[in-house]
N, C-alpha and C. Protein backbone atom coordinates (compact mmCIF):
# COMPACT_ATOMS: atom_id res chain seq x y z
N MET A 1 107.17 92.51 62.11
CA MET A 1 107.26 91.48 63.12
C MET A 1 108.04 90.32 62.52
N ARG A 2 108.99 89.83 63.27
CA ARG A 2 109.83 88.73 62.80
C ARG A 2 109.11 87.41 62.99
N LYS A 3 109.34 86.51 62.07
CA LYS A 3 108.82 85.16 62.20
C LYS A 3 109.89 84.33 62.88
N ILE A 4 109.51 83.66 63.91
CA ILE A 4 110.46 82.85 64.68
C ILE A 4 110.69 81.54 63.93
N LYS A 5 111.98 81.32 63.58
CA LYS A 5 112.31 80.15 62.76
C LYS A 5 112.52 78.90 63.60
N SER A 6 113.18 79.05 64.71
CA SER A 6 113.42 77.87 65.55
C SER A 6 112.96 78.18 66.97
N GLN A 7 112.47 77.18 67.62
CA GLN A 7 111.96 77.34 68.96
C GLN A 7 112.96 76.81 69.98
N VAL A 8 113.03 77.52 71.10
CA VAL A 8 113.82 77.03 72.22
C VAL A 8 112.85 76.31 73.14
N LYS A 9 113.16 75.11 73.47
CA LYS A 9 112.26 74.37 74.36
C LYS A 9 112.33 74.95 75.75
N ALA A 10 111.20 74.99 76.40
CA ALA A 10 111.13 75.51 77.77
C ALA A 10 112.01 74.66 78.67
N PRO A 11 112.84 75.31 79.46
CA PRO A 11 113.71 74.54 80.34
C PRO A 11 112.89 73.77 81.38
N LYS A 12 113.34 72.56 81.68
CA LYS A 12 112.61 71.74 82.63
C LYS A 12 112.85 72.19 84.06
N THR A 13 113.97 72.85 84.28
CA THR A 13 114.25 73.36 85.62
C THR A 13 113.71 74.78 85.74
N THR A 14 113.75 75.30 86.94
CA THR A 14 113.24 76.66 87.16
C THR A 14 114.32 77.71 86.92
N ARG A 15 115.51 77.28 86.50
CA ARG A 15 116.60 78.22 86.27
C ARG A 15 116.35 78.97 84.97
N ALA A 16 116.83 80.18 84.94
CA ALA A 16 116.68 81.01 83.76
C ALA A 16 117.90 80.88 82.86
N THR A 17 117.72 81.22 81.59
CA THR A 17 118.82 81.20 80.64
C THR A 17 119.56 82.52 80.72
N LYS A 18 120.89 82.46 80.84
CA LYS A 18 121.71 83.66 80.93
C LYS A 18 122.38 83.91 79.59
N ILE A 19 122.38 85.17 79.17
CA ILE A 19 123.07 85.57 77.96
C ILE A 19 123.93 86.78 78.30
N THR A 20 125.16 86.79 77.84
CA THR A 20 126.09 87.88 78.12
C THR A 20 126.27 88.72 76.86
N PHE A 21 126.18 90.03 77.02
CA PHE A 21 126.35 90.99 75.93
C PHE A 21 127.52 91.90 76.24
N ALA A 22 128.10 92.47 75.20
CA ALA A 22 129.07 93.56 75.35
C ALA A 22 128.37 94.80 74.81
N LEU A 23 127.74 95.55 75.72
CA LEU A 23 126.96 96.73 75.32
C LEU A 23 127.78 98.00 75.46
N ASN A 24 127.31 99.05 74.82
CA ASN A 24 127.91 100.37 74.90
C ASN A 24 127.97 100.80 76.37
N ALA A 25 129.18 101.10 76.86
CA ALA A 25 129.37 101.43 78.28
C ALA A 25 128.63 102.71 78.66
N ASP A 26 128.63 103.70 77.76
CA ASP A 26 127.93 104.96 78.05
C ASP A 26 126.42 104.73 78.18
N LEU A 27 125.89 103.88 77.31
CA LEU A 27 124.46 103.57 77.36
C LEU A 27 124.11 102.85 78.66
N CYS A 28 124.96 101.92 79.08
CA CYS A 28 124.73 101.21 80.34
C CYS A 28 124.76 102.19 81.51
N GLN A 29 125.72 103.12 81.49
CA GLN A 29 125.81 104.12 82.56
C GLN A 29 124.59 105.02 82.56
N GLN A 30 124.13 105.40 81.36
CA GLN A 30 122.93 106.23 81.25
C GLN A 30 121.72 105.50 81.83
N ALA A 31 121.60 104.23 81.53
CA ALA A 31 120.48 103.43 82.04
C ALA A 31 120.56 103.29 83.56
N GLU A 32 121.76 103.06 84.08
CA GLU A 32 121.92 102.95 85.53
C GLU A 32 121.64 104.28 86.22
N ASN A 33 122.04 105.38 85.62
CA ASN A 33 121.73 106.70 86.19
C ASN A 33 120.23 106.92 86.23
N TRP A 34 119.54 106.52 85.16
CA TRP A 34 118.09 106.67 85.13
C TRP A 34 117.45 105.81 86.22
N LEU A 35 117.94 104.58 86.36
CA LEU A 35 117.41 103.70 87.41
C LEU A 35 117.63 104.32 88.80
N ASN A 36 118.84 104.83 89.05
CA ASN A 36 119.13 105.45 90.34
C ASN A 36 118.24 106.66 90.61
N SER A 37 117.96 107.44 89.58
CA SER A 37 117.07 108.60 89.78
C SER A 37 115.65 108.14 90.11
N GLN A 38 115.22 107.04 89.51
CA GLN A 38 113.89 106.51 89.81
C GLN A 38 113.84 105.96 91.24
N TRP A 39 114.90 105.26 91.62
CA TRP A 39 114.95 104.68 92.97
C TRP A 39 115.01 105.76 94.03
N SER A 40 115.67 106.88 93.73
CA SER A 40 115.73 107.97 94.71
C SER A 40 114.36 108.60 94.91
N GLN A 41 113.47 108.40 93.94
CA GLN A 41 112.09 108.88 94.06
C GLN A 41 111.15 107.77 94.54
N TYR A 42 111.73 106.69 95.03
CA TYR A 42 110.99 105.53 95.53
C TYR A 42 110.12 104.88 94.46
N ASN A 43 110.59 104.92 93.22
CA ASN A 43 109.91 104.26 92.11
C ASN A 43 110.72 103.03 91.75
N TYR A 44 110.22 101.86 92.12
CA TYR A 44 110.94 100.61 91.89
C TYR A 44 110.27 99.78 90.80
N THR A 45 109.74 100.44 89.78
CA THR A 45 109.11 99.73 88.66
C THR A 45 110.13 98.84 87.97
N TYR A 46 111.33 99.34 87.79
CA TYR A 46 112.42 98.57 87.18
C TYR A 46 113.46 98.34 88.26
N ARG A 47 113.72 97.07 88.58
CA ARG A 47 114.59 96.76 89.70
C ARG A 47 116.07 96.62 89.33
N SER A 48 116.34 96.46 88.01
CA SER A 48 117.74 96.27 87.61
C SER A 48 117.93 96.65 86.15
N LEU A 49 119.18 96.73 85.77
CA LEU A 49 119.52 97.01 84.38
C LEU A 49 119.04 95.85 83.50
N SER A 50 119.14 94.64 84.02
CA SER A 50 118.67 93.47 83.26
C SER A 50 117.19 93.57 82.94
N GLU A 51 116.43 93.98 83.93
CA GLU A 51 114.99 94.10 83.71
C GLU A 51 114.69 95.19 82.70
N LEU A 52 115.44 96.26 82.74
CA LEU A 52 115.27 97.35 81.78
C LEU A 52 115.58 96.88 80.36
N VAL A 53 116.62 96.07 80.22
CA VAL A 53 116.97 95.53 78.89
C VAL A 53 115.89 94.57 78.41
N ARG A 54 115.40 93.72 79.31
CA ARG A 54 114.32 92.79 78.93
C ARG A 54 113.07 93.55 78.49
N LYS A 55 112.70 94.59 79.23
CA LYS A 55 111.51 95.39 78.88
C LYS A 55 111.71 96.10 77.55
N SER A 56 112.93 96.58 77.29
CA SER A 56 113.18 97.27 76.02
C SER A 56 113.09 96.29 74.85
N LEU A 57 113.59 95.08 75.03
CA LEU A 57 113.49 94.08 73.98
C LEU A 57 112.04 93.67 73.77
N THR A 58 111.28 93.57 74.84
CA THR A 58 109.85 93.26 74.73
C THR A 58 109.12 94.37 73.98
N ALA A 59 109.45 95.62 74.29
CA ALA A 59 108.83 96.76 73.59
C ALA A 59 109.17 96.72 72.11
N TYR A 60 110.40 96.33 71.78
CA TYR A 60 110.79 96.19 70.37
C TYR A 60 110.03 95.05 69.71
N GLN A 61 109.89 93.96 70.43
CA GLN A 61 109.17 92.80 69.91
C GLN A 61 107.72 93.14 69.62
N GLU A 62 107.10 93.93 70.49
CA GLU A 62 105.69 94.28 70.33
C GLU A 62 105.48 95.47 69.40
N GLY A 63 106.55 96.02 68.86
CA GLY A 63 106.43 97.12 67.91
C GLY A 63 106.20 98.48 68.54
N GLU A 64 106.41 98.60 69.84
CA GLU A 64 106.21 99.88 70.53
C GLU A 64 107.33 100.87 70.23
N ILE A 65 108.50 100.35 69.90
CA ILE A 65 109.64 101.22 69.56
C ILE A 65 110.27 100.71 68.27
N ARG A 66 110.91 101.62 67.57
CA ARG A 66 111.63 101.30 66.35
C ARG A 66 113.12 101.51 66.58
N VAL A 67 113.93 100.70 65.97
CA VAL A 67 115.37 100.85 66.13
C VAL A 67 116.02 101.07 64.77
N ASN A 68 117.12 101.80 64.82
CA ASN A 68 117.92 102.03 63.62
C ASN A 68 119.35 101.64 63.97
N THR A 69 119.75 100.46 63.56
CA THR A 69 121.06 99.94 63.95
C THR A 69 122.21 100.61 63.21
N THR A 70 121.92 101.39 62.17
CA THR A 70 122.99 102.06 61.44
C THR A 70 123.57 103.24 62.21
N GLU A 71 122.82 103.79 63.18
CA GLU A 71 123.28 104.92 63.96
C GLU A 71 124.18 104.49 65.13
N ARG A 72 124.32 103.24 65.33
CA ARG A 72 125.08 102.71 66.46
C ARG A 72 126.57 102.97 66.30
N ASP A 73 127.21 103.39 67.39
CA ASP A 73 128.66 103.61 67.40
C ASP A 73 129.33 102.28 67.75
N LYS A 74 129.90 101.63 66.75
CA LYS A 74 130.49 100.31 66.94
C LYS A 74 131.81 100.35 67.69
N HIS A 75 132.46 101.51 67.69
CA HIS A 75 133.78 101.63 68.30
C HIS A 75 133.74 102.24 69.70
N ALA A 76 132.56 102.42 70.24
CA ALA A 76 132.43 102.97 71.60
C ALA A 76 132.91 101.93 72.61
N PRO A 77 133.36 102.38 73.78
CA PRO A 77 133.79 101.43 74.82
C PRO A 77 132.62 100.50 75.19
N LYS A 78 132.95 99.25 75.43
CA LYS A 78 131.92 98.24 75.74
C LYS A 78 132.01 97.81 77.19
N ARG A 79 130.90 97.30 77.66
CA ARG A 79 130.83 96.76 79.02
C ARG A 79 130.02 95.47 78.96
N GLU A 80 130.56 94.43 79.57
CA GLU A 80 129.87 93.15 79.57
C GLU A 80 128.79 93.12 80.63
N ILE A 81 127.60 92.74 80.22
CA ILE A 81 126.52 92.53 81.18
C ILE A 81 125.86 91.19 80.86
N THR A 82 125.36 90.56 81.90
CA THR A 82 124.68 89.28 81.75
C THR A 82 123.21 89.47 82.10
N ILE A 83 122.36 88.94 81.25
CA ILE A 83 120.91 89.09 81.44
C ILE A 83 120.29 87.71 81.49
N ARG A 84 119.38 87.55 82.41
CA ARG A 84 118.63 86.30 82.52
C ARG A 84 117.32 86.45 81.75
N PHE A 85 117.01 85.45 80.96
CA PHE A 85 115.75 85.40 80.25
C PHE A 85 114.86 84.38 80.95
N PHE A 86 113.81 84.87 81.59
CA PHE A 86 112.88 84.00 82.29
C PHE A 86 111.77 83.54 81.35
N ASN A 87 111.49 84.33 80.34
CA ASN A 87 110.37 84.12 79.44
C ASN A 87 110.90 83.44 78.17
N THR A 88 110.41 82.25 77.86
CA THR A 88 110.88 81.53 76.67
C THR A 88 110.46 82.23 75.38
N ASP A 89 109.32 82.94 75.40
CA ASP A 89 108.89 83.66 74.21
C ASP A 89 109.89 84.76 73.86
N LEU A 90 110.35 85.47 74.87
CA LEU A 90 111.33 86.53 74.65
C LEU A 90 112.67 85.93 74.22
N LEU A 91 113.03 84.81 74.80
CA LEU A 91 114.27 84.13 74.42
C LEU A 91 114.19 83.66 72.97
N ASN A 92 113.06 83.10 72.57
CA ASN A 92 112.87 82.68 71.18
C ASN A 92 112.96 83.88 70.24
N PHE A 93 112.38 85.00 70.65
CA PHE A 93 112.46 86.21 69.84
C PHE A 93 113.91 86.65 69.70
N TYR A 94 114.65 86.63 70.79
CA TYR A 94 116.06 87.01 70.75
C TYR A 94 116.83 86.13 69.77
N TYR A 95 116.62 84.81 69.83
CA TYR A 95 117.32 83.90 68.93
C TYR A 95 116.85 84.03 67.48
N SER A 96 115.68 84.59 67.25
CA SER A 96 115.20 84.77 65.88
C SER A 96 115.81 86.01 65.22
N LEU A 97 116.44 86.87 66.01
CA LEU A 97 117.09 88.06 65.45
C LEU A 97 118.32 87.65 64.65
N PRO A 98 118.69 88.43 63.64
CA PRO A 98 119.91 88.10 62.89
C PRO A 98 121.12 88.07 63.83
N TYR A 99 121.92 87.03 63.74
CA TYR A 99 123.02 86.82 64.67
C TYR A 99 123.96 88.02 64.74
N SER A 100 124.29 88.58 63.61
CA SER A 100 125.27 89.68 63.57
C SER A 100 124.70 91.00 64.09
N GLN A 101 123.38 91.09 64.27
CA GLN A 101 122.78 92.35 64.70
C GLN A 101 122.11 92.26 66.07
N ARG A 102 122.24 91.18 66.76
CA ARG A 102 121.56 91.02 68.04
C ARG A 102 121.99 92.09 69.05
N THR A 103 123.29 92.29 69.20
CA THR A 103 123.77 93.28 70.16
C THR A 103 123.35 94.68 69.75
N ALA A 104 123.43 94.97 68.45
CA ALA A 104 123.01 96.28 67.96
C ALA A 104 121.53 96.53 68.24
N ILE A 105 120.72 95.52 68.04
CA ILE A 105 119.28 95.66 68.30
C ILE A 105 119.02 95.85 69.79
N ILE A 106 119.73 95.10 70.63
CA ILE A 106 119.58 95.25 72.09
C ILE A 106 119.96 96.68 72.49
N GLU A 107 121.09 97.17 72.00
CA GLU A 107 121.55 98.52 72.35
C GLU A 107 120.55 99.58 71.91
N GLU A 108 120.13 99.51 70.66
CA GLU A 108 119.23 100.54 70.13
C GLU A 108 117.84 100.45 70.76
N SER A 109 117.39 99.25 71.06
CA SER A 109 116.09 99.14 71.73
C SER A 109 116.17 99.73 73.14
N LEU A 110 117.29 99.51 73.82
CA LEU A 110 117.47 100.09 75.15
C LEU A 110 117.53 101.62 75.06
N ARG A 111 118.25 102.13 74.06
CA ARG A 111 118.36 103.59 73.88
C ARG A 111 116.98 104.20 73.62
N GLU A 112 116.22 103.61 72.71
CA GLU A 112 114.89 104.13 72.38
C GLU A 112 113.93 104.00 73.57
N PHE A 113 114.04 102.88 74.30
CA PHE A 113 113.17 102.67 75.45
C PHE A 113 113.45 103.71 76.53
N LEU A 114 114.73 104.02 76.76
CA LEU A 114 115.08 105.07 77.73
C LEU A 114 114.54 106.43 77.31
N GLU A 115 114.64 106.73 76.02
CA GLU A 115 114.09 108.00 75.53
C GLU A 115 112.59 108.06 75.75
N LYS A 116 111.92 106.95 75.50
CA LYS A 116 110.47 106.90 75.70
C LYS A 116 110.12 107.09 77.18
N LEU A 117 110.87 106.45 78.06
CA LEU A 117 110.64 106.60 79.50
C LEU A 117 110.90 108.03 79.96
N ASN A 118 111.96 108.65 79.42
CA ASN A 118 112.26 110.04 79.78
C ASN A 118 111.17 110.98 79.32
N GLU A 119 110.60 110.72 78.14
CA GLU A 119 109.49 111.55 77.66
C GLU A 119 108.29 111.42 78.59
N LYS A 120 108.00 110.20 79.04
CA LYS A 120 106.89 110.00 79.98
C LYS A 120 107.15 110.73 81.29
N GLU A 121 108.40 110.69 81.74
CA GLU A 121 108.78 111.36 82.99
C GLU A 121 108.62 112.87 82.86
N LEU A 122 109.04 113.41 81.73
CA LEU A 122 108.90 114.85 81.50
C LEU A 122 107.44 115.26 81.37
N GLU A 123 106.64 114.37 80.80
CA GLU A 123 105.22 114.67 80.62
C GLU A 123 104.53 114.87 81.98
N LYS A 124 104.98 114.16 83.00
CA LYS A 124 104.40 114.32 84.34
C LYS A 124 104.63 115.72 84.89
N HIS A 125 105.78 116.30 84.53
CA HIS A 125 106.16 117.58 85.10
C HIS A 125 105.79 118.77 84.22
N ARG A 126 105.20 118.50 83.08
CA ARG A 126 104.84 119.57 82.16
C ARG A 126 103.62 120.30 82.70
N LYS A 127 103.70 121.60 82.73
CA LYS A 127 102.59 122.41 83.19
C LYS A 127 102.25 123.40 82.09
N ILE A 128 101.01 123.40 81.70
CA ILE A 128 100.58 124.31 80.65
C ILE A 128 100.15 125.62 81.31
N ILE A 129 100.83 126.67 80.91
CA ILE A 129 100.53 127.99 81.45
C ILE A 129 99.66 128.72 80.44
N LYS A 130 98.48 129.09 80.88
CA LYS A 130 97.57 129.80 80.00
C LYS A 130 97.99 131.26 79.93
N PRO A 131 97.94 131.83 78.73
CA PRO A 131 98.33 133.24 78.62
C PRO A 131 97.32 134.15 79.32
N ARG A 132 97.87 135.19 79.89
CA ARG A 132 97.00 136.16 80.54
C ARG A 132 96.27 136.96 79.47
N PRO A 133 95.03 137.31 79.75
CA PRO A 133 94.34 138.15 78.77
C PRO A 133 94.99 139.53 78.73
N LYS A 134 95.18 140.01 77.52
CA LYS A 134 95.80 141.31 77.34
C LYS A 134 94.78 142.38 77.73
N PRO A 135 95.21 143.37 78.54
CA PRO A 135 94.25 144.42 78.91
C PRO A 135 93.83 145.22 77.68
N LYS A 136 92.64 145.75 77.74
CA LYS A 136 92.10 146.51 76.61
C LYS A 136 92.53 147.96 76.70
N LEU A 137 92.70 148.53 75.52
CA LEU A 137 92.99 149.97 75.46
C LEU A 137 91.71 150.74 75.75
N THR A 138 91.83 151.73 76.61
CA THR A 138 90.68 152.56 76.97
C THR A 138 90.84 153.93 76.31
N PRO A 139 89.79 154.44 75.65
CA PRO A 139 89.89 155.78 75.06
C PRO A 139 89.64 156.86 76.12
N TYR A 140 90.46 157.92 76.08
CA TYR A 140 90.28 159.09 76.94
C TYR A 140 90.16 160.30 76.02
N PHE A 141 89.05 161.05 76.17
CA PHE A 141 88.72 162.13 75.24
C PHE A 141 89.23 163.49 75.74
N ASN A 142 89.51 164.38 74.77
CA ASN A 142 89.91 165.77 75.01
C ASN A 142 91.14 165.88 75.91
N ILE A 143 92.21 165.20 75.51
CA ILE A 143 93.43 165.20 76.30
C ILE A 143 94.58 165.71 75.43
N ASN A 144 95.49 166.45 76.04
CA ASN A 144 96.73 166.84 75.38
C ASN A 144 97.77 165.76 75.70
N PHE A 145 98.34 165.17 74.66
CA PHE A 145 99.29 164.07 74.90
C PHE A 145 100.23 163.91 73.72
N THR A 146 101.28 163.13 73.93
CA THR A 146 102.22 162.75 72.88
C THR A 146 102.12 161.23 72.71
N CYS A 147 101.92 160.79 71.49
CA CYS A 147 101.79 159.36 71.21
C CYS A 147 103.14 158.70 71.45
N ASP A 148 103.15 157.66 72.26
CA ASP A 148 104.40 156.96 72.58
C ASP A 148 104.86 156.05 71.45
N ASN A 149 104.01 155.82 70.45
CA ASN A 149 104.39 154.97 69.32
C ASN A 149 104.99 155.79 68.18
N CYS A 150 104.27 156.84 67.72
CA CYS A 150 104.75 157.61 66.57
C CYS A 150 105.43 158.92 66.98
N GLY A 151 105.24 159.38 68.22
CA GLY A 151 105.90 160.58 68.71
C GLY A 151 105.19 161.88 68.36
N ASP A 152 104.02 161.85 67.71
CA ASP A 152 103.27 163.07 67.37
C ASP A 152 102.58 163.63 68.61
N GLU A 153 102.46 164.98 68.63
CA GLU A 153 101.78 165.64 69.74
C GLU A 153 100.35 165.95 69.33
N TYR A 154 99.41 165.78 70.27
CA TYR A 154 98.00 165.99 70.00
C TYR A 154 97.42 166.91 71.07
N VAL A 155 96.52 167.81 70.62
CA VAL A 155 95.86 168.76 71.52
C VAL A 155 94.37 168.44 71.50
N GLU A 156 93.82 168.25 72.69
CA GLU A 156 92.40 167.92 72.88
C GLU A 156 91.92 166.87 71.88
N ASP A 157 92.58 165.73 71.90
CA ASP A 157 92.24 164.63 71.00
C ASP A 157 91.99 163.37 71.84
N VAL A 158 91.69 162.28 71.18
CA VAL A 158 91.42 161.02 71.87
C VAL A 158 92.74 160.28 72.06
N ALA A 159 93.04 159.93 73.31
CA ALA A 159 94.23 159.15 73.64
C ALA A 159 93.79 157.76 74.06
N TYR A 160 94.53 156.75 73.63
CA TYR A 160 94.23 155.38 74.01
C TYR A 160 95.35 154.91 74.93
N SER A 161 94.96 154.25 76.04
CA SER A 161 95.94 153.81 77.02
C SER A 161 95.44 152.56 77.75
N TYR A 162 96.39 151.84 78.35
CA TYR A 162 96.04 150.68 79.18
C TYR A 162 95.72 151.10 80.60
N ALA A 163 95.81 152.39 80.89
CA ALA A 163 95.51 152.90 82.23
C ALA A 163 94.04 152.64 82.55
N THR A 164 93.77 152.34 83.82
CA THR A 164 92.39 152.05 84.22
C THR A 164 91.62 153.32 84.60
N SER A 165 92.34 154.42 84.82
CA SER A 165 91.67 155.69 85.12
C SER A 165 92.51 156.84 84.56
N LEU A 166 91.90 158.02 84.49
CA LEU A 166 92.60 159.19 83.94
C LEU A 166 93.77 159.59 84.83
N LYS A 167 93.69 159.28 86.13
CA LYS A 167 94.79 159.62 87.05
C LYS A 167 96.05 158.78 86.76
N GLU A 168 95.88 157.58 86.26
CA GLU A 168 97.00 156.67 86.01
C GLU A 168 97.59 156.82 84.61
N ILE A 169 97.02 157.69 83.78
CA ILE A 169 97.45 157.77 82.39
C ILE A 169 98.91 158.21 82.25
N ILE A 170 99.44 158.91 83.22
CA ILE A 170 100.84 159.36 83.18
C ILE A 170 101.78 158.16 83.31
N GLU A 171 101.36 157.14 84.04
CA GLU A 171 102.20 155.97 84.29
C GLU A 171 102.19 154.97 83.14
N HIS A 172 101.30 155.10 82.17
CA HIS A 172 101.15 154.14 81.07
C HIS A 172 101.43 154.81 79.73
N TYR A 173 101.69 153.99 78.73
CA TYR A 173 101.88 154.50 77.39
C TYR A 173 100.54 155.01 76.85
N THR A 174 100.63 156.02 75.99
CA THR A 174 99.43 156.55 75.31
C THR A 174 99.64 156.45 73.82
N TYR A 175 98.54 156.19 73.12
CA TYR A 175 98.61 156.01 71.67
C TYR A 175 97.55 156.86 71.01
N CYS A 176 97.83 157.31 69.77
CA CYS A 176 96.85 158.07 69.00
C CYS A 176 95.94 157.12 68.26
N SER A 177 94.88 157.61 67.68
CA SER A 177 93.93 156.74 66.97
C SER A 177 94.56 156.12 65.73
N GLY A 178 95.54 156.78 65.10
CA GLY A 178 96.23 156.24 63.93
C GLY A 178 97.08 155.02 64.28
N CYS A 179 97.71 155.02 65.48
CA CYS A 179 98.55 153.90 65.88
C CYS A 179 97.76 152.73 66.42
N VAL A 180 96.55 152.97 66.90
CA VAL A 180 95.71 151.90 67.48
C VAL A 180 95.08 151.08 66.38
N SER A 181 94.64 151.68 65.30
CA SER A 181 93.92 150.96 64.25
C SER A 181 94.81 150.29 63.27
């Protein structure tokens, strides 16, 4: 957690402080696509890209996400966006970040926040399929058969099969006692 060195005084007016960033254009497009997919599902939790950036910075501030600014592509195309800071605590946190890494931290926090949101979205749709119980092999006594596993022929011996009756044994594989154990 960063220690805030200087405080921004709360504005006396009701206007918010605007800050303009040059963020990765692909990341902005990815965030807008995610927002549009949420809106098409009538989920308006996040109303704008600005709000998404503010929430990602808040998540970084609270330690919910970790960022690695070394993985950032510095030469990627940029897009200017302006964000309003309504909360002076978040604004103070932003100003406490190292000046040369502010944009990198904003980008990486947004990237990590989107990944976290996508994981939550996928978790909703995850369905755990329980495995079906494997049918048991049934022994059939005094049968002439060929083992489907080893290919040996048996006369009046015990055959093991998944068939539920002796009439169905032709339709199923048969195994000898050596292959079953």
